[in-house]
PDB file of N, CA and C in Angstrom:
ATOM      1  N   MET A   1     183.401 132.441 104.629  1.00  0.00           N
ATOM      2  CA  MET A   1     182.149 133.094 104.298  1.00  0.00           C
ATOM      3  C   MET A   1     181.599 133.749 105.559  1.00  0.00           C
ATOM      4  N   LYS A   2     181.142 134.961 105.409  1.00  0.00           N
ATOM      5  CA  LYS A   2     180.592 135.672 106.562  1.00  0.00           C
ATOM      6  C   LYS A   2     179.305 134.998 107.035  1.00  0.00           C
ATOM      7  N   ARG A   3     179.106 135.072 108.333  1.00  0.00           N
ATOM      8  CA  ARG A   3     177.961 134.397 108.946  1.00  0.00           C
ATOM      9  C   ARG A   3     176.626 134.852 108.348  1.00  0.00           C
ATOM     10  N   ASN A   4     176.448 136.140 108.142  1.00  0.00           N
ATOM     11  CA  ASN A   4     175.167 136.636 107.619  1.00  0.00           C
ATOM     12  C   ASN A   4     174.936 136.176 106.171  1.00  0.00           C
ATOM     13  N   VAL A   5     176.000 136.090 105.376  1.00  0.00           N
ATOM     14  CA  VAL A   5     175.875 135.603 104.002  1.00  0.00           C
ATOM     15  C   VAL A   5     175.493 134.126 104.007  1.00  0.00           C
ATOM     16  N   LEU A   6     176.140 133.357 104.870  1.00  0.00           N
ATOM     17  CA  LEU A   6     175.833 131.940 104.996  1.00  0.00           C
ATOM     18  C   LEU A   6     174.394 131.727 105.455  1.00  0.00           C
ATOM     19  N   LYS A   7     173.949 132.518 106.418  1.00  0.00           N
ATOM     20  CA  LYS A   7     172.578 132.397 106.914  1.00  0.00           C
ATOM     21  C   LYS A   7     171.576 132.712 105.804  1.00  0.00           C
ATOM     22  N   GLU A   8     171.841 133.730 105.018  1.00  0.00           N
ATOM     23  CA  GLU A   8     170.957 134.074 103.900  1.00  0.00           C
ATOM     24  C   GLU A   8     170.887 132.917 102.896  1.00  0.00           C
ATOM     25  N   TYR A   9     172.030 132.299 102.636  1.00  0.00           N
ATOM     26  CA  TYR A   9     172.077 131.165 101.714  1.00  0.00           C
ATOM     27  C   TYR A   9     171.231 130.006 102.249  1.00  0.00           C
ATOM     28  N   TRP A  10     171.396 129.686 103.523  1.00  0.00           N
ATOM     29  CA  TRP A  10     170.628 128.598 104.139  1.00  0.00           C
ATOM     30  C   TRP A  10     169.129 128.864 104.085  1.00  0.00           C
ATOM     31  N   LEU A  11     168.730 130.108 104.373  1.00  0.00           N
ATOM     32  CA  LEU A  11     167.303 130.451 104.334  1.00  0.00           C
ATOM     33  C   LEU A  11     166.740 130.323 102.919  1.00  0.00           C
ATOM     34  N   LYS A  12     167.530 130.727 101.925  1.00  0.00           N
ATOM     35  CA  LYS A  12     167.114 130.592 100.528  1.00  0.00           C
ATOM     36  C   LYS A  12     166.947 129.116 100.168  1.00  0.00           C
ATOM     37  N   GLU A  13     167.887 128.275 100.589  1.00  0.00           N
ATOM     38  CA  GLU A  13     167.799 126.846 100.337  1.00  0.00           C
ATOM     39  C   GLU A  13     166.580 126.231 101.023  1.00  0.00           C
ATOM     40  N   GLU A  14     166.327 126.661 102.252  1.00  0.00           N
ATOM     41  CA  GLU A  14     165.184 126.136 102.998  1.00  0.00           C
ATOM     42  C   GLU A  14     163.879 126.433 102.275  1.00  0.00           C
ATOM     43  N   LYS A  15     163.731 127.625 101.743  1.00  0.00           N
ATOM     44  CA  LYS A  15     162.508 127.995 101.029  1.00  0.00           C
ATOM     45  C   LYS A  15     162.362 127.211  99.726  1.00  0.00           C
ATOM     46  N   ALA A  16     163.475 126.934  99.069  1.00  0.00           N
ATOM     47  CA  ALA A  16     163.438 126.230  97.780  1.00  0.00           C
ATOM     48  C   ALA A  16     163.262 124.729  97.929  1.00  0.00           C
ATOM     49  N   ALA A  17     163.606 124.183  99.078  1.00  0.00           N
ATOM     50  CA  ALA A  17     163.691 122.733  99.244  1.00  0.00           C
ATOM     51  C   ALA A  17     162.365 122.003  99.090  1.00  0.00           C
ATOM     52  N   HIS A  18     161.357 122.373  99.814  1.00  0.00           N
ATOM     53  CA  HIS A  18     160.072 121.663  99.789  1.00  0.00           C
ATOM     54  C   HIS A  18     160.277 120.162  99.937  1.00  0.00           C
ATOM     55  N   ILE A  19     161.052 119.754 100.922  1.00  0.00           N
ATOM     56  CA  ILE A  19     161.357 118.348 101.123  1.00  0.00           C
ATOM     57  C   ILE A  19     160.141 117.621 101.689  1.00  0.00           C
ATOM     58  N   HIS A  20     159.786 116.528 101.032  1.00  0.00           N
ATOM     59  CA  HIS A  20     158.699 115.663 101.486  1.00  0.00           C
ATOM     60  C   HIS A  20     159.244 114.244 101.491  1.00  0.00           C
ATOM     61  N   GLY A  21     159.428 113.675 102.665  1.00  0.00           N
ATOM     62  CA  GLY A  21     159.990 112.330 102.750  1.00  0.00           C
ATOM     63  C   GLY A  21     161.420 112.315 102.232  1.00  0.00           C
ATOM     64  N   TRP A  22     161.689 111.400 101.297  1.00  0.00           N
ATOM     65  CA  TRP A  22     163.038 111.255 100.745  1.00  0.00           C
ATOM     66  C   TRP A  22     163.183 111.969  99.402  1.00  0.00           C
ATOM     67  N   ASP A  23     162.356 112.965  99.136  1.00  0.00           N
ATOM     68  CA  ASP A  23     162.428 113.706  97.879  1.00  0.00           C
ATOM     69  C   ASP A  23     163.455 114.835  97.995  1.00  0.00           C
ATOM     70  N   PHE A  24     164.604 114.621  97.398  1.00  0.00           N
ATOM     71  CA  PHE A  24     165.653 115.632  97.398  1.00  0.00           C
ATOM     72  C   PHE A  24     165.878 116.166  95.984  1.00  0.00           C
ATOM     73  N   SER A  25     164.819 116.197  95.185  1.00  0.00           N
ATOM     74  CA  SER A  25     164.940 116.611  93.796  1.00  0.00           C
ATOM     75  C   SER A  25     165.437 118.048  93.641  1.00  0.00           C
ATOM     76  N   HIS A  26     165.275 118.864  94.669  1.00  0.00           N
ATOM     77  CA  HIS A  26     165.726 120.254  94.570  1.00  0.00           C
ATOM     78  C   HIS A  26     167.250 120.386  94.504  1.00  0.00           C
ATOM     79  N   ILE A  27     167.971 119.311  94.808  1.00  0.00           N
ATOM     80  CA  ILE A  27     169.434 119.371  94.708  1.00  0.00           C
ATOM     81  C   ILE A  27     169.962 118.495  93.575  1.00  0.00           C
ATOM     82  N   ALA A  28     169.058 118.013  92.713  1.00  0.00           N
ATOM     83  CA  ALA A  28     169.464 117.158  91.592  1.00  0.00           C
ATOM     84  C   ALA A  28     170.514 117.868  90.744  1.00  0.00           C
ATOM     85  N   GLY A  29     171.568 117.152  90.461  1.00  0.00           N
ATOM     86  CA  GLY A  29     172.630 117.692  89.636  1.00  0.00           C
ATOM     87  C   GLY A  29     173.642 118.541  90.369  1.00  0.00           C
ATOM     88  N   ARG A  30     173.390 118.810  91.638  1.00  0.00           N
ATOM     89  CA  ARG A  30     174.302 119.658  92.419  1.00  0.00           C
ATOM     90  C   ARG A  30     175.237 118.846  93.303  1.00  0.00           C
ATOM     91  N   PHE A  31     174.846 117.633  93.610  1.00  0.00           N
ATOM     92  CA  PHE A  31     175.630 116.789  94.498  1.00  0.00           C
ATOM     93  C   PHE A  31     175.660 115.364  93.956  1.00  0.00           C
ATOM     94  N   GLU A  32     176.748 114.678  94.200  1.00  0.00           N
ATOM     95  CA  GLU A  32     176.848 113.265  93.851  1.00  0.00           C
ATOM     96  C   GLU A  32     176.853 112.463  95.135  1.00  0.00           C
ATOM     97  N   GLU A  33     176.317 111.283  95.054  1.00  0.00           N
ATOM     98  CA  GLU A  33     176.341 110.413  96.220  1.00  0.00           C
ATOM     99  C   GLU A  33     176.681 108.994  95.816  1.00  0.00           C
ATOM    100  N   GLU A  34     177.377 108.332  96.667  1.00  0.00           N
ATOM    101  CA  GLU A  34     177.694 106.914  96.552  1.00  0.00           C
ATOM    102  C   GLU A  34     178.589 106.540  95.380  1.00  0.00           C
ATOM    103  N   ASN A  35     178.741 107.377  94.395  1.00  0.00           N
ATOM    104  CA  ASN A  35     179.566 107.010  93.246  1.00  0.00           C
ATOM    105  C   ASN A  35     181.058 107.125  93.534  1.00  0.00           C
ATOM    106  N   ASP A  36     181.413 108.000  94.454  1.00  0.00           N
ATOM    107  CA  ASP A  36     182.829 108.220  94.695  1.00  0.00           C
ATOM    108  C   ASP A  36     183.227 108.014  96.163  1.00  0.00           C
ATOM    109  N   LEU A  37     182.433 107.246  96.880  1.00  0.00           N
ATOM    110  CA  LEU A  37     182.760 106.985  98.277  1.00  0.00           C
ATOM    111  C   LEU A  37     183.963 106.054  98.376  1.00  0.00           C
ATOM    112  N   PRO A  38     184.859 106.309  99.322  1.00  0.00           N
ATOM    113  CA  PRO A  38     186.031 105.447  99.477  1.00  0.00           C
ATOM    114  C   PRO A  38     185.751 104.179 100.288  1.00  0.00           C
ATOM    115  N   TRP A  39     184.491 103.881 100.571  1.00  0.00           N
ATOM    116  CA  TRP A  39     184.125 102.709 101.357  1.00  0.00           C
ATOM    117  C   TRP A  39     182.827 102.133 100.819  1.00  0.00           C
ATOM    118  N   ASN A  40     182.522 100.904 101.246  1.00  0.00           N
ATOM    119  CA  ASN A  40     181.322 100.210 100.810  1.00  0.00           C
ATOM    120  C   ASN A  40     180.593  99.690 102.052  1.00  0.00           C
ATOM    121  N   TYR A  41     179.404 100.205 102.289  1.00  0.00           N
ATOM    122  CA  TYR A  41     178.625  99.864 103.479  1.00  0.00           C
ATOM    123  C   TYR A  41     178.446  98.349 103.627  1.00  0.00           C
ATOM    124  N   GLU A  42     178.025  97.701 102.551  1.00  0.00           N
ATOM    125  CA  GLU A  42     177.765  96.264 102.630  1.00  0.00           C
ATOM    126  C   GLU A  42     179.036  95.482 102.964  1.00  0.00           C
ATOM    127  N   GLN A  43     180.163  95.836 102.379  1.00  0.00           N
ATOM    128  CA  GLN A  43     181.414  95.135 102.672  1.00  0.00           C
ATOM    129  C   GLN A  43     181.824  95.304 104.133  1.00  0.00           C
ATOM    130  N   ILE A  44     181.642  96.511 104.664  1.00  0.00           N
ATOM    131  CA  ILE A  44     182.001  96.765 106.067  1.00  0.00           C
ATOM    132  C   ILE A  44     181.126  95.934 106.998  1.00  0.00           C
ATOM    133  N   VAL A  45     179.821  95.905 106.750  1.00  0.00           N
ATOM    134  CA  VAL A  45     178.909  95.131 107.599  1.00  0.00           C
ATOM    135  C   VAL A  45     179.236  93.646 107.519  1.00  0.00           C
ATOM    136  N   ARG A  46     179.464  93.149 106.313  1.00  0.00           N
ATOM    137  CA  ARG A  46     179.794  91.732 106.154  1.00  0.00           C
ATOM    138  C   ARG A  46     181.080  91.364 106.902  1.00  0.00           C
ATOM    139  N   ALA A  47     182.046  92.283 106.961  1.00  0.00           N
ATOM    140  CA  ALA A  47     183.317  92.005 107.635  1.00  0.00           C
ATOM    141  C   ALA A  47     183.140  91.821 109.144  1.00  0.00           C
ATOM    142  N   TYR A  48     182.165  92.501 109.730  1.00  0.00           N
ATOM    143  CA  TYR A  48     181.978  92.443 111.185  1.00  0.00           C
ATOM    144  C   TYR A  48     180.830  91.543 111.619  1.00  0.00           C
ATOM    145  N   ARG A  49     179.959  91.180 110.709  1.00  0.00           N
ATOM    146  CA  ARG A  49     178.781  90.394 111.031  1.00  0.00           C
ATOM    147  C   ARG A  49     179.151  88.941 111.321  1.00  0.00           C
ATOM    148  N   LYS A  50     178.547  88.424 112.378  1.00  0.00           N
ATOM    149  CA  LYS A  50     178.701  86.997 112.697  1.00  0.00           C
ATOM    150  C   LYS A  50     177.526  86.246 112.076  1.00  0.00           C
ATOM    151  N   PRO A  51     177.683  84.989 111.723  1.00  0.00           N
ATOM    152  CA  PRO A  51     176.583  84.222 111.130  1.00  0.00           C
ATOM    153  C   PRO A  51     175.332  84.186 112.014  1.00  0.00           C
ATOM    154  N   THR A  52     175.489  84.365 113.310  1.00  0.00           N
ATOM    155  CA  THR A  52     174.339  84.317 114.216  1.00  0.00           C
ATOM    156  C   THR A  52     173.659  85.683 114.382  1.00  0.00           C
ATOM    157  N   ASP A  53     174.239  86.730 113.810  1.00  0.00           N
ATOM    158  CA  ASP A  53     173.659  88.076 113.937  1.00  0.00           C
ATOM    159  C   ASP A  53     172.422  88.233 113.060  1.00  0.00           C
ATOM    160  N   THR A  54     171.460  88.986 113.574  1.00  0.00           N
ATOM    161  CA  THR A  54     170.287  89.374 112.808  1.00  0.00           C
ATOM    162  C   THR A  54     170.343  90.889 112.657  1.00  0.00           C
ATOM    163  N   LEU A  55     170.153  91.360 111.434  1.00  0.00           N
ATOM    164  CA  LEU A  55     170.274  92.793 111.167  1.00  0.00           C
ATOM    165  C   LEU A  55     168.969  93.357 110.623  1.00  0.00           C
ATOM    166  N   LEU A  56     168.715  94.617 110.950  1.00  0.00           N
ATOM    167  CA  LEU A  56     167.560  95.325 110.415  1.00  0.00           C
ATOM    168  C   LEU A  56     168.031  96.687 109.940  1.00  0.00           C
ATOM    169  N   ASP A  57     167.821  96.976 108.679  1.00  0.00           N
ATOM    170  CA  ASP A  57     168.239  98.229 108.055  1.00  0.00           C
ATOM    171  C   ASP A  57     167.077  99.230 108.151  1.00  0.00           C
ATOM    172  N   ILE A  58     167.221 100.238 109.016  1.00  0.00           N
ATOM    173  CA  ILE A  58     166.154 101.216 109.225  1.00  0.00           C
ATOM    174  C   ILE A  58     166.662 102.609 108.895  1.00  0.00           C
ATOM    175  N   ASP A  59     165.933 103.308 108.016  1.00  0.00           N
ATOM    176  CA  ASP A  59     166.215 104.709 107.676  1.00  0.00           C
ATOM    177  C   ASP A  59     167.668 104.979 107.302  1.00  0.00           C
ATOM    178  N   THR A  60     168.227 104.139 106.450  1.00  0.00           N
ATOM    179  CA  THR A  60     169.584 104.386 105.987  1.00  0.00           C
ATOM    180  C   THR A  60     169.581 104.969 104.580  1.00  0.00           C
ATOM    181  N   GLY A  61     168.454 105.487 104.136  1.00  0.00           N
ATOM    182  CA  GLY A  61     168.408 106.160 102.861  1.00  0.00           C
ATOM    183  C   GLY A  61     167.946 105.294 101.698  1.00  0.00           C
ATOM    184  N   GLY A  62     167.233 104.234 101.988  1.00  0.00           N
ATOM    185  CA  GLY A  62     166.691 103.420 100.919  1.00  0.00           C
ATOM    186  C   GLY A  62     167.663 102.459 100.287  1.00  0.00           C
ATOM    187  N   GLY A  63     168.746 102.192 100.994  1.00  0.00           N
ATOM    188  CA  GLY A  63     169.743 101.271 100.467  1.00  0.00           C
ATOM    189  C   GLY A  63     169.198  99.880 100.252  1.00  0.00           C
ATOM    190  N   GLY A  64     168.319  99.449 101.109  1.00  0.00           N
ATOM    191  CA  GLY A  64     167.688  98.155 100.962  1.00  0.00           C
ATOM    192  C   GLY A  64     168.682  97.010 100.844  1.00  0.00           C
ATOM    193  N   VAL A  65     169.720  97.041 101.623  1.00  0.00           N
ATOM    194  CA  VAL A  65     170.754  96.007 101.556  1.00  0.00           C
ATOM    195  C   VAL A  65     170.267  94.735 102.235  1.00  0.00           C
ATOM    196  N   SER A  66     170.347  93.634 101.527  1.00  0.00           N
ATOM    197  CA  SER A  66     170.004  92.338 102.106  1.00  0.00           C
ATOM    198  C   SER A  66     171.290  91.595 102.399  1.00  0.00           C
ATOM    199  N   ILE A  67     171.569  91.402 103.658  1.00  0.00           N
ATOM    200  CA  ILE A  67     172.780  90.685 104.063  1.00  0.00           C
ATOM    201  C   ILE A  67     172.336  89.427 104.775  1.00  0.00           C
ATOM    202  N   VAL A  68     172.466  88.341 104.063  1.00  0.00           N
ATOM    203  CA  VAL A  68     172.072  87.045 104.615  1.00  0.00           C
ATOM    204  C   VAL A  68     173.286  86.136 104.650  1.00  0.00           C
ATOM    205  N   PRO A  69     173.256  85.108 105.492  1.00  0.00           N
ATOM    206  CA  PRO A  69     174.412  84.208 105.585  1.00  0.00           C
ATOM    207  C   PRO A  69     174.758  83.550 104.266  1.00  0.00           C
TER     208      PRO A  69
END
C-alpha cells in the first residue's frame, strides 16, 4: 500500500475512533481478540510463578486474572 493511501486511512480511522478509556466500540465486528490466540496468558504466568511471588496485574486490558497459590 502506498504511504499516502495508508496515511489517509489512518487519519480517517483517527477521526472515527473517539476513544475514551477502554472503549473500542468503533472497531466492533472488525477484529477478533483472544478467541484464536495460540497461547494463554494465565497458563504462561502460572508456569513461571513461584509460590512466594506476588503479582499485580496493571493495564493489561481488563483481564482481571487472579493467580493465587
